[in-house]
C-alpha atoms as a PDB file:
ATOM      1  CA  MET A   1     171.970 105.855 148.702  1.00  0.00           C
ATOM      2  CA  PHE A   2     168.535 105.971 147.061  1.00  0.00           C
ATOM      3  CA  THR A   3     167.724 109.600 147.657  1.00  0.00           C
ATOM      4  CA  ARG A   4     166.197 110.521 144.302  1.00  0.00           C
ATOM      5  CA  ILE A   5     164.842 108.787 141.247  1.00  0.00           C
ATOM      6  CA  GLY A   6     166.151 110.486 138.159  1.00  0.00           C
ATOM      7  CA  PRO A   7     165.384 110.144 134.460  1.00  0.00           C
ATOM      8  CA  VAL A   8     168.013 107.433 133.993  1.00  0.00           C
ATOM      9  CA  GLU A   9     166.432 105.213 136.665  1.00  0.00           C
ATOM     10  CA  ILE A  10     162.944 105.718 135.235  1.00  0.00           C
ATOM     11  CA  LEU A  11     164.190 104.835 131.759  1.00  0.00           C
ATOM     12  CA  LEU A  12     165.862 101.715 133.131  1.00  0.00           C
ATOM     13  CA  VAL A  13     162.642 100.594 134.843  1.00  0.00           C
ATOM     14  CA  LEU A  14     160.656 101.181 131.641  1.00  0.00           C
ATOM     15  CA  ILE A  15     163.117  99.118 129.604  1.00  0.00           C
ATOM     16  CA  VAL A  16     162.931  96.261 132.113  1.00  0.00           C
ATOM     17  CA  LEU A  17     159.108  96.384 132.012  1.00  0.00           C
ATOM     18  CA  LEU A  18     159.178  96.360 128.227  1.00  0.00           C
ATOM     19  CA  LEU A  19     161.446  93.322 128.210  1.00  0.00           C
ATOM     20  CA  LEU A  20     159.378  91.461 130.806  1.00  0.00           C
ATOM     21  CA  PHE A  21     155.878  92.110 129.488  1.00  0.00           C
ATOM     22  CA  GLY A  22     156.298  93.193 125.890  1.00  0.00           C
ATOM     23  CA  ALA A  23     154.965  96.240 124.092  1.00  0.00           C
ATOM     24  CA  LYS A  24     151.497  94.751 123.567  1.00  0.00           C
ATOM     25  CA  ARG A  25     150.896  93.803 127.197  1.00  0.00           C
ATOM     26  CA  ILE A  26     151.929  97.089 128.898  1.00  0.00           C
ATOM     27  CA  PRO A  27     148.875  99.140 127.766  1.00  0.00           C
ATOM     28  CA  GLU A  28     146.568  96.321 128.922  1.00  0.00           C
ATOM     29  CA  ILE A  29     148.239  96.302 132.338  1.00  0.00           C
ATOM     30  CA  ALA A  30     147.961 100.088 132.632  1.00  0.00           C
ATOM     31  CA  ARG A  31     144.291 100.001 131.613  1.00  0.00           C
ATOM     32  CA  SER A  32     143.406  97.318 134.158  1.00  0.00           C
ATOM     33  CA  LEU A  33     145.368  99.167 136.853  1.00  0.00           C
ATOM     34  CA  GLY A  34     143.392 102.342 136.098  1.00  0.00           C
ATOM     35  CA  LYS A  35     140.071 100.488 136.317  1.00  0.00           C
ATOM     36  CA  SER A  36     141.087  98.893 139.615  1.00  0.00           C
ATOM     37  CA  LEU A  37     142.104 102.246 141.054  1.00  0.00           C
ATOM     38  CA  LYS A  38     138.788 103.790 139.980  1.00  0.00           C
ATOM     39  CA  GLU A  39     136.806 100.969 141.648  1.00  0.00           C
ATOM     40  CA  PHE A  40     138.921 101.288 144.805  1.00  0.00           C
ATOM     41  CA  ARG A  41     138.241 105.026 145.035  1.00  0.00           C
ATOM     42  CA  THR A  42     134.519 104.432 144.470  1.00  0.00           C
ATOM     43  CA  GLY A  43     134.517 101.901 147.303  1.00  0.00           C
ATOM     44  CA  LEU A  44     136.335 104.302 149.616  1.00  0.00           C
ATOM     45  CA  LYS A  45     133.803 107.031 148.807  1.00  0.00           C
ATOM     46  CA  GLU A  46     130.890 104.687 149.551  1.00  0.00           C
ATOM     47  CA  VAL A  47     132.392 103.699 152.906  1.00  0.00           C
ATOM     48  CA  ASP A  48     133.021 107.349 153.768  1.00  0.00           C
ATOM     49  CA  ASP A  49     129.419 108.238 152.843  1.00  0.00           C
ATOM     50  CA  LEU A  50     128.104 105.413 155.038  1.00  0.00           C
ATOM     51  CA  ASN A  51     130.261 106.546 157.974  1.00  0.00           C
ATOM     52  CA  THR A  52     129.073 110.139 157.578  1.00  0.00           C
ATOM     53  CA  GLU A  53     125.468 108.962 157.409  1.00  0.00           C
ATOM     54  CA  LYS A  54     125.925 106.859 160.570  1.00  0.00           C
ATOM     55  CA  LYS A  55     127.454 109.788 162.454  1.00  0.00           C
ATOM     56  CA  THR A  56     124.575 112.060 161.393  1.00  0.00           C
ATOM     57  CA  ASP A  57     121.963 109.484 162.437  1.00  0.00           C
ATOM     58  CA  THR A  58     123.683 108.891 165.772  1.00  0.00           C
ATOM     59  CA  SER A  59     123.979 112.604 166.609  1.00  0.00           C
ATOM     60  CA  ALA A  60     120.336 113.200 165.632  1.00  0.00           C
ATOM     61  CA  ARG A  61     119.263 110.289 167.835  1.00  0.00           C
ATOM     62  CA  ILE A  62     121.309 111.630 170.770  1.00  0.00           C
ATOM     63  CA  GLU A  63     119.785 115.097 170.385  1.00  0.00           C
ATOM     64  CA  LYS A  64     116.291 113.624 170.284  1.00  0.00           C
ATOM     65  CA  ASP A  65     116.946 111.502 173.386  1.00  0.00           C
ATOM     66  CA  THR A  66     118.378 114.531 175.200  1.00  0.00           C
ATOM     67  CA  GLU A  67     115.299 116.631 174.383  1.00  0.00           C
ATOM     68  CA  ASN A  68     112.958 113.846 175.522  1.00  0.00           C
ATOM     69  CA  ASN A  69     114.849 113.301 178.793  1.00  0.00           C
ATOM     70  CA  SER A  70     115.186 116.979 179.706  1.00  0.00           C
ATOM     71  CA  GLY A  71     111.491 117.607 179.027  1.00  0.00           C
ATOM     72  CA  GLY A  72     110.432 114.925 181.492  1.00  0.00           C
ATOM     73  CA  LYS A  73     112.743 116.147 184.255  1.00  0.00           C
ATOM     74  CA  ASP A  74     111.385 119.709 184.236  1.00  0.00           C
ATOM     75  CA  GLU A  75     107.865 118.593 185.108  1.00  0.00           C
END
């Protein structure tokens, strides 16, 4: 039933938005939505950087522990 959204449906949605919010309010909503999306992406990038940093620290610590343990066993 709802397989594709065509130009008529998009136009209908835009008209409904215009009637609900008014011409003055729509640009403000779009601007605030853009700012929110930018902050969300920045937050995701920070979390990803922290996870990458944790993985690097953990693998370096494991390598160091492995070197220390193997050195003591050989003697």
